[in-house]
Amino acid sequence: MTIAPTDEIYWRSIAAQYDIADDCINLENGFFSPQARPVFEAFQRYNVEVNRHTTHFMRTEFPARLSTVVHALAEFAGVATDEIVITRNATEAMNIFLQGYPFRPGDGVISSTQEYDSVQEILRMLEQRGRFTLNIIDLPLHPANDEEIVACYERALTPKTRALVLTHMLHRTGQILPVAKIAQMARAHGVDVIVDAAHTFAHIDFQLPALHSDFIAANLHKWLGAPLGSGLLYVCKERIADIAPLFGDTTFPATDIRKLAHFNTVPAAPILAIPDAIAFHNSIGSRNKEARLRYLKDCWVNHARQLPHIDLLTPTDPQRSCAIATFSVKGKSGKEIADILFNQHNIFTVAVDVNGISAVRVTPQLYNTVEQMERLVAALGQLR
């Protein structure tokens, strides 16, 4: 069923499912998303269950329960159960990919200045260890079309390029990259694409195969609203043998994705609550959720673009972003702006650096309201 993003009666009923403190307006949901009440209550029940039934539960019941969770997650993601691993977060998954990838001497890797900070650290570390040569490119903040972005990566290719590392939604500005088109271009050149989908999974309406990448990392504690400490790693079945385990494992054959999941004892409750998060998400619908999040962003962005002292760093085309958008103010640092918004207007945001531009990122979630976006707009008008 289609729900209009402007149906405030419906969206207030969704917002009511979140028990959020009213001490400030939280517009920094890009860090992680709180669990809706049904998910949080299930998470608490699972914690009690594990604690009450102790090791008997973990040894005799958890393996089968884990299999059920993996099945639900695979179905939601649109992939096979033997192609995914539940990780603690997308950064852990990216470490597994990049440290386990079969780089050869002289290989090149292309990345951009806007990749996630921790992923940049992985790449720099591996370059220092001599695993590959890293080429970091700039991406336009306001691309004219998909082809402009694809061309940025294609121009950077050399005969030695082995892999591209892409972020599906850039965490600093919210720009959505045309990953599928980039991946198709790269494949034509014999180059792999490793995708960080931390911010798009359960945020915009897609399933993993749509990205045309053999290696995808995602977070579940961001837009899916699963408990903190849950992520996803996807490897196309035919490529599992190419990735060496980051954690020691000789139990499973090279073609079994479970070789990448030797984490030993992990908190069970966050994993067990994943199907509950999927159920809550599905009760809303991916398209409805995406449309509402984009609408909340547009509520403030469309006004902010008219303010002469505000510079939006997120693409103008609304389809090139969703909930996340970023702005700067002439003569003020991002930290100064974030402090003013919090101390004077009780609005919590976060300062970010975008290619040397000191800025502020704004990220609403489903529990945020149009009225809160209007309060942000009023506050921005006073930033002189």
Protein backbone atom coordinates (compact mmCIF):
# COMPACT_ATOMS: atom_id res chain seq x y z
CA MET A 1 0.00 0.00 0.00
CA THR A 2 1.29 3.44 -0.92
CA ILE A 3 1.38 5.98 1.90
CA ALA A 4 1.79 9.62 0.90
CA PRO A 5 4.89 11.21 2.47
CA THR A 6 2.61 14.10 3.47
CA ASP A 7 0.10 11.93 5.34
CA GLU A 8 0.88 13.41 8.75
CA ILE A 9 -1.72 11.31 10.57
CA TYR A 10 -0.05 8.12 9.42
CA TRP A 11 3.51 9.32 10.02
CA ARG A 12 2.64 10.57 13.50
CA SER A 13 1.47 7.03 14.26
CA ILE A 14 4.87 5.75 13.13
CA ALA A 15 6.73 8.41 15.11
CA ALA A 16 4.77 7.32 18.18
CA GLN A 17 6.47 3.92 17.92
CA TYR A 18 9.78 5.49 18.99
CA ASP A 19 10.48 6.31 22.62
CA ILE A 20 12.81 9.28 22.12
CA ALA A 21 13.88 11.71 24.85
CA ASP A 22 12.48 15.20 24.32
CA ASP A 23 15.52 17.03 25.70
CA CYS A 24 16.54 18.05 22.16
CA ILE A 25 15.58 17.64 18.51
CA ASN A 26 17.87 14.91 17.27
CA LEU A 27 18.79 15.44 13.62
CA GLU A 28 21.92 13.30 13.77
CA ASN A 29 20.43 9.93 12.92
CA GLY A 30 23.23 9.15 10.49
CA PHE A 31 25.30 7.75 13.37
CA PHE A 32 22.72 5.08 14.17
CA SER A 33 18.95 4.86 14.26
CA PRO A 34 17.10 4.10 17.48
CA GLN A 35 14.99 0.98 17.55
CA ALA A 36 11.25 1.34 17.23
CA ARG A 37 9.39 0.14 20.32
CA PRO A 38 8.43 -3.32 18.93
CA VAL A 39 12.08 -3.95 18.01
CA PHE A 40 13.46 -2.66 21.30
CA GLU A 41 11.01 -4.73 23.33
CA ALA A 42 11.94 -7.85 21.36
CA PHE A 43 15.63 -7.04 21.87
CA GLN A 44 15.05 -6.82 25.63
CA ARG A 45 13.20 -10.15 25.63
CA TYR A 46 16.09 -11.81 23.81
CA ASN A 47 18.59 -10.42 26.29
CA VAL A 48 16.54 -11.86 29.14
CA GLU A 49 16.22 -15.19 27.34
CA VAL A 50 19.96 -15.51 26.72
CA ASN A 51 20.85 -14.45 30.26
CA ARG A 52 18.27 -16.77 31.82
CA HIS A 53 19.09 -19.87 29.79
CA THR A 54 22.85 -19.19 29.66
CA THR A 55 25.20 -21.49 27.78
CA HIS A 56 22.51 -24.14 27.24
CA PHE A 57 20.71 -21.65 24.98
CA MET A 58 23.86 -20.60 23.15
CA ARG A 59 25.03 -24.17 22.51
CA THR A 60 21.73 -25.88 21.75
CA GLU A 61 19.26 -23.25 20.49
CA PHE A 62 21.18 -20.30 19.10
CA PRO A 63 22.62 -22.03 15.99
CA ALA A 64 19.15 -22.86 14.67
CA ARG A 65 17.83 -19.42 15.62
CA LEU A 66 20.77 -17.83 13.84
CA SER A 67 19.95 -19.80 10.71
CA THR A 68 16.40 -18.42 10.82
CA VAL A 69 17.73 -14.86 11.15
CA VAL A 70 20.09 -15.32 8.22
CA HIS A 71 17.23 -16.65 6.11
CA ALA A 72 15.06 -13.61 6.92
CA LEU A 73 17.90 -11.20 6.23
CA ALA A 74 18.84 -12.88 2.96
CA GLU A 75 15.24 -12.73 1.77
CA PHE A 76 15.04 -9.04 2.66
CA ALA A 77 18.34 -8.32 0.90
CA GLY A 78 17.37 -10.35 -2.18
CA VAL A 79 20.30 -12.78 -2.01
CA ALA A 80 20.97 -16.40 -1.07
CA THR A 81 21.50 -17.44 2.54
CA ASP A 82 24.93 -18.83 1.68
CA GLU A 83 26.07 -15.43 0.37
CA ILE A 84 25.78 -13.34 3.55
CA VAL A 85 27.38 -13.06 6.95
CA ILE A 86 26.10 -11.03 9.90
CA THR A 87 28.87 -8.75 11.14
CA ARG A 88 29.05 -6.14 13.87
CA ASN A 89 29.01 -3.27 11.37
CA ALA A 90 29.88 -2.30 7.81
CA THR A 91 33.43 -1.31 8.77
CA GLU A 92 34.13 -4.85 9.94
CA ALA A 93 32.75 -6.17 6.65
CA MET A 94 34.94 -3.76 4.66
CA ASN A 95 37.98 -4.92 6.64
CA ILE A 96 37.17 -8.52 5.73
CA PHE A 97 36.84 -7.60 2.05
CA LEU A 98 39.90 -5.41 1.73
CA GLN A 99 42.27 -7.43 3.90
CA GLY A 100 41.10 -10.71 2.37
CA TYR A 101 41.01 -9.64 -1.28
CA PRO A 102 43.65 -11.38 -3.47
CA PHE A 103 45.66 -8.32 -4.44
CA ARG A 104 48.78 -8.94 -6.48
CA PRO A 105 52.04 -6.94 -6.48
CA GLY A 106 51.58 -3.74 -8.44
CA ASP A 107 47.78 -3.66 -8.22
CA GLY A 108 45.97 -0.35 -8.06
CA VAL A 109 42.86 0.62 -6.09
CA ILE A 110 40.70 3.66 -6.77
CA SER A 111 38.76 5.41 -4.03
CA SER A 112 37.42 8.92 -3.45
CA THR A 113 38.01 11.69 -0.94
CA GLN A 114 34.48 11.18 0.36
CA GLU A 115 34.74 7.55 1.48
CA TYR A 116 33.95 6.79 5.10
CA ASP A 117 36.82 7.71 7.41
CA SER A 118 37.38 4.19 8.74
CA VAL A 119 37.41 2.76 5.20
CA GLN A 120 40.01 5.34 4.23
CA GLU A 121 42.09 4.15 7.19
CA ILE A 122 41.89 0.54 5.98
CA LEU A 123 43.00 1.59 2.51
CA ARG A 124 45.89 3.70 3.77
CA MET A 125 47.06 0.93 6.08
CA LEU A 126 47.05 -1.66 3.30
CA GLU A 127 48.84 0.70 0.94
CA GLN A 128 51.52 1.25 3.60
CA ARG A 129 51.88 -2.53 3.82
CA GLY A 130 52.50 -2.68 0.08
CA ARG A 131 49.26 -4.47 -0.82
CA PHE A 132 48.40 -2.00 -3.58
CA THR A 133 48.82 1.58 -4.81
CA LEU A 134 45.93 3.85 -3.87
CA ASN A 135 44.51 6.50 -6.21
CA ILE A 136 42.09 8.86 -4.44
CA ILE A 137 39.90 10.92 -6.76
CA ASP A 138 37.61 13.92 -6.24
CA LEU A 139 33.90 13.67 -6.96
CA PRO A 140 31.65 16.62 -7.88
CA LEU A 141 29.27 17.79 -5.18
CA HIS A 142 26.63 18.66 -7.76
CA PRO A 143 26.95 16.27 -10.73
CA ALA A 144 24.96 17.04 -13.85
CA ASN A 145 24.10 13.36 -14.35
CA ASP A 146 25.19 9.80 -13.60
CA GLU A 147 27.57 9.76 -16.52
CA GLU A 148 29.66 12.54 -14.97
CA ILE A 149 30.27 10.38 -11.90
CA VAL A 150 30.97 7.24 -13.95
CA ALA A 151 33.46 9.21 -16.04
CA CYS A 152 35.36 10.28 -12.90
CA TYR A 153 36.11 6.65 -12.11
CA GLU A 154 36.70 5.57 -15.70
CA ARG A 155 39.29 8.32 -16.27
CA ALA A 156 41.19 7.10 -13.21
CA LEU A 157 41.48 3.50 -14.47
CA THR A 158 44.87 2.18 -15.50
CA PRO A 159 45.94 -1.26 -16.72
CA LYS A 160 46.97 -1.98 -13.11
CA THR A 161 43.64 -1.07 -11.50
CA ARG A 162 42.25 -4.12 -9.71
CA ALA A 163 39.36 -2.70 -7.67
CA LEU A 164 37.20 0.35 -7.04
CA VAL A 165 36.01 1.09 -3.50
CA LEU A 166 32.68 2.92 -3.60
CA THR A 167 30.24 4.28 -1.06
CA HIS A 168 26.64 3.96 -2.23
CA MET A 169 25.48 7.01 -0.24
CA LEU A 170 28.26 9.38 0.73
CA HIS A 171 28.00 9.83 4.47
CA ARG A 172 29.21 13.43 4.48
CA THR A 173 26.74 14.88 1.98
CA GLY A 174 24.12 12.19 1.38
CA GLN A 175 24.84 12.05 -2.36
CA ILE A 176 23.75 8.72 -3.86
CA LEU A 177 26.30 7.40 -6.34
CA PRO A 178 25.18 5.47 -9.45
CA VAL A 179 26.90 2.34 -8.18
CA ALA A 180 25.28 -0.04 -10.66
CA LYS A 181 26.47 2.03 -13.63
CA ILE A 182 29.95 2.37 -12.17
CA ALA A 183 30.09 -1.38 -11.51
CA GLN A 184 29.02 -2.20 -15.07
CA MET A 185 31.69 0.13 -16.44
CA ALA A 186 34.33 -1.37 -14.16
CA ARG A 187 33.37 -4.93 -15.04
CA ALA A 188 33.88 -4.14 -18.73
CA HIS A 189 37.47 -3.26 -17.80
CA GLY A 190 37.94 -6.38 -15.67
CA VAL A 191 37.87 -4.37 -12.43
CA ASP A 192 36.02 -5.37 -9.26
CA VAL A 193 33.84 -3.01 -7.24
CA ILE A 194 33.67 -3.21 -3.44
CA VAL A 195 30.65 -1.32 -2.14
CA ASP A 196 30.03 0.29 1.23
CA ALA A 197 26.22 0.45 1.45
CA ALA A 198 26.18 1.44 5.12
CA HIS A 199 23.72 4.29 4.58
CA THR A 200 21.47 2.97 1.83
CA PHE A 201 20.44 -0.44 3.14
CA ALA A 202 16.80 -0.08 4.31
CA HIS A 203 17.06 3.66 3.64
CA ILE A 204 16.27 3.69 -0.07
CA ASP A 205 14.24 1.08 -1.92
CA PHE A 206 16.60 -1.48 -3.44
CA GLN A 207 17.98 -4.98 -2.94
CA LEU A 208 21.65 -5.90 -3.09
CA PRO A 209 21.71 -7.49 -6.59
CA ALA A 210 20.65 -4.13 -8.05
CA LEU A 211 24.14 -2.79 -7.33
CA HIS A 212 25.81 -5.31 -9.68
CA SER A 213 28.67 -5.75 -7.22
CA ASP A 214 30.13 -9.02 -5.96
CA PHE A 215 31.17 -7.49 -2.61
CA ILE A 216 28.81 -5.34 -0.49
CA ALA A 217 28.95 -4.22 3.13
CA ALA A 218 25.98 -2.73 5.00
CA ASN A 219 24.86 -1.65 8.44
CA LEU A 220 21.70 -2.92 10.09
CA HIS A 221 21.79 -0.54 13.06
CA LYS A 222 21.44 2.52 10.88
CA TRP A 223 18.37 2.68 8.65
CA LEU A 224 16.96 -0.77 9.31
CA GLY A 225 16.79 0.13 13.00
CA ALA A 226 18.22 -3.13 14.32
CA PRO A 227 20.17 -3.01 17.61
CA LEU A 228 23.64 -1.49 17.72
CA GLY A 229 26.33 -3.92 16.71
CA SER A 230 24.70 -5.49 13.66
CA GLY A 231 25.88 -5.36 10.07
CA LEU A 232 25.94 -7.39 6.89
CA LEU A 233 28.55 -8.76 4.51
CA TYR A 234 27.55 -10.03 1.07
CA VAL A 235 29.76 -11.96 -1.35
CA CYS A 236 28.46 -13.35 -4.62
CA LYS A 237 28.63 -17.13 -4.35
CA GLU A 238 31.08 -17.48 -7.22
CA ARG A 239 33.54 -15.08 -5.54
CA ILE A 240 33.60 -16.44 -1.99
CA ALA A 241 36.71 -18.49 -2.67
CA ASP A 242 38.57 -15.29 -3.63
CA ILE A 243 38.30 -13.73 -0.17
CA ALA A 244 40.65 -15.02 2.52
CA PRO A 245 39.29 -14.99 6.10
CA LEU A 246 40.37 -12.09 8.27
CA PHE A 247 39.88 -14.26 11.37
CA GLY A 248 41.55 -17.65 11.49
CA ASP A 249 39.41 -20.51 10.21
CA THR A 250 40.28 -23.92 8.76
CA THR A 251 36.88 -25.50 9.42
CA PHE A 252 35.02 -24.52 6.27
CA PRO A 253 36.05 -24.96 2.64
CA ALA A 254 37.20 -21.98 0.60
CA THR A 255 33.82 -21.76 -1.12
CA ASP A 256 31.77 -21.57 2.11
CA ILE A 257 30.97 -18.05 3.29
CA ARG A 258 30.97 -19.21 6.90
CA LYS A 259 34.76 -19.17 6.73
CA LEU A 260 34.45 -15.35 6.94
CA ALA A 261 32.31 -15.47 10.08
CA HIS A 262 34.66 -16.96 12.68
CA PHE A 263 33.91 -14.27 15.29
CA ASN A 264 33.51 -16.73 18.18
CA THR A 265 31.16 -15.63 20.98
CA VAL A 266 28.98 -12.69 19.94
CA PRO A 267 26.04 -10.95 21.64
CA ALA A 268 23.02 -12.97 20.58
CA ALA A 269 20.23 -10.49 21.30
CA PRO A 270 21.15 -7.91 18.62
CA ILE A 271 21.21 -10.70 16.04
CA LEU A 272 17.94 -12.24 17.17
CA ALA A 273 16.21 -8.84 16.88
CA ILE A 274 17.09 -8.41 13.20
CA PRO A 275 13.88 -10.11 11.94
CA ASP A 276 11.86 -7.84 14.23
CA ALA A 277 13.53 -4.80 12.64
CA ILE A 278 12.78 -6.21 9.19
CA ALA A 279 9.13 -6.78 10.17
CA PHE A 280 8.75 -3.19 11.39
CA HIS A 281 10.39 -1.86 8.23
CA ASN A 282 8.15 -4.02 6.03
CA SER A 283 5.04 -2.86 7.87
CA ILE A 284 5.83 0.61 6.52
CA GLY A 285 7.23 -0.39 3.14
CA SER A 286 10.58 0.48 1.60
CA ARG A 287 9.16 2.92 -0.94
CA ASN A 288 7.00 4.66 1.63
CA LYS A 289 9.93 4.97 4.02
CA GLU A 290 12.25 6.35 1.35
CA ALA A 291 9.64 8.88 0.22
CA ARG A 292 8.99 10.09 3.77
CA LEU A 293 12.69 10.47 4.59
CA ARG A 294 13.28 12.41 1.37
CA TYR A 295 10.26 14.59 2.13
CA LEU A 296 11.60 15.44 5.60
CA LYS A 297 14.93 16.38 4.05
CA ASP A 298 13.26 18.49 1.37
CA CYS A 299 11.19 20.28 4.02
CA TRP A 300 14.29 22.09 5.23
CA VAL A 301 16.57 21.92 2.20
CA ASN A 302 14.14 23.65 -0.17
CA HIS A 303 13.96 26.62 2.21
CA ALA A 304 17.67 26.60 3.03
CA ARG A 305 18.58 26.91 -0.65
CA GLN A 306 16.87 30.31 -0.66
CA LEU A 307 19.00 31.68 2.18
CA PRO A 308 21.98 33.64 0.80
CA HIS A 309 24.31 32.71 3.66
CA ILE A 310 23.65 28.95 3.33
CA ASP A 311 25.58 26.78 0.88
CA LEU A 312 24.07 23.32 0.31
CA LEU A 313 26.66 20.64 -0.40
CA THR A 314 24.07 18.00 -1.31
CA PRO A 315 22.97 17.66 -4.96
CA THR A 316 20.01 19.76 -6.04
CA ASP A 317 18.23 16.84 -7.72
CA PRO A 318 16.14 15.33 -4.88
CA GLN A 319 16.62 11.83 -6.28
CA ARG A 320 20.38 12.10 -5.73
CA SER A 321 19.93 12.10 -1.96
CA CYS A 322 17.40 10.98 0.62
CA ALA A 323 17.43 11.77 4.36
CA ILE A 324 20.99 13.11 4.61
CA ALA A 325 21.88 16.64 3.53
CA THR A 326 24.76 18.94 4.42
CA PHE A 327 25.29 22.70 4.44
CA SER A 328 27.92 25.27 5.27
CA VAL A 329 27.68 28.91 6.35
CA LYS A 330 30.02 31.57 5.08
CA GLY A 331 32.46 32.64 7.78
CA LYS A 332 31.56 29.91 10.28
CA SER A 333 33.02 26.48 10.96
CA GLY A 334 30.86 23.40 11.11
CA LYS A 335 31.49 23.08 14.83
CA GLU A 336 30.45 26.69 15.42
CA ILE A 337 27.22 26.12 13.52
CA ALA A 338 26.45 22.83 15.28
CA ASP A 339 27.11 24.48 18.66
CA ILE A 340 24.79 27.39 17.85
CA LEU A 341 22.04 25.05 16.69
CA PHE A 342 22.29 23.04 19.89
CA ASN A 343 22.95 25.74 22.46
CA GLN A 344 20.51 28.32 21.09
CA HIS A 345 17.86 26.19 19.36
CA ASN A 346 18.13 22.77 21.04
CA ILE A 347 18.78 21.06 17.68
CA PHE A 348 21.45 18.36 17.61
CA THR A 349 23.47 17.94 14.40
CA VAL A 350 27.07 17.03 13.61
CA ALA A 351 30.00 18.90 12.07
CA VAL A 352 31.65 17.27 9.05
CA ASP A 353 34.47 18.09 6.65
CA VAL A 354 33.64 17.88 2.94
CA ASN A 355 36.77 18.17 0.84
CA GLY A 356 38.13 20.89 3.11
CA ILE A 357 34.77 22.64 3.58
CA SER A 358 33.70 22.83 7.21
CA ALA A 359 30.00 21.97 7.27
CA VAL A 360 27.07 20.49 9.18
CA ARG A 361 25.19 17.29 8.38
CA VAL A 362 21.47 17.04 9.06
CA THR A 363 19.83 13.62 9.20
CA PRO A 364 16.16 13.17 10.18
CA GLN A 365 14.51 9.82 10.88
CA LEU A 366 10.92 8.62 10.82
CA TYR A 367 10.25 9.88 14.35
CA ASN A 368 11.14 13.44 13.34
CA THR A 369 8.30 15.77 12.36
CA VAL A 370 7.65 18.49 9.81
CA GLU A 371 7.38 20.94 12.70
CA GLN A 372 10.93 20.06 13.76
CA MET A 373 12.15 20.66 10.21
CA GLU A 374 10.46 24.06 10.32
CA ARG A 375 12.26 24.86 13.57
CA LEU A 376 15.52 24.01 11.84
CA VAL A 377 14.65 26.34 8.95
CA ALA A 378 13.90 29.16 11.40
CA ALA A 379 17.21 28.55 13.16
CA LEU A 380 19.12 28.56 9.87
CA GLY A 381 17.64 31.93 9.03
CA GLN A 382 19.33 33.37 12.13
CA LEU A 383 22.79 32.03 11.25
CA ARG A 384 24.45 35.20 10.08
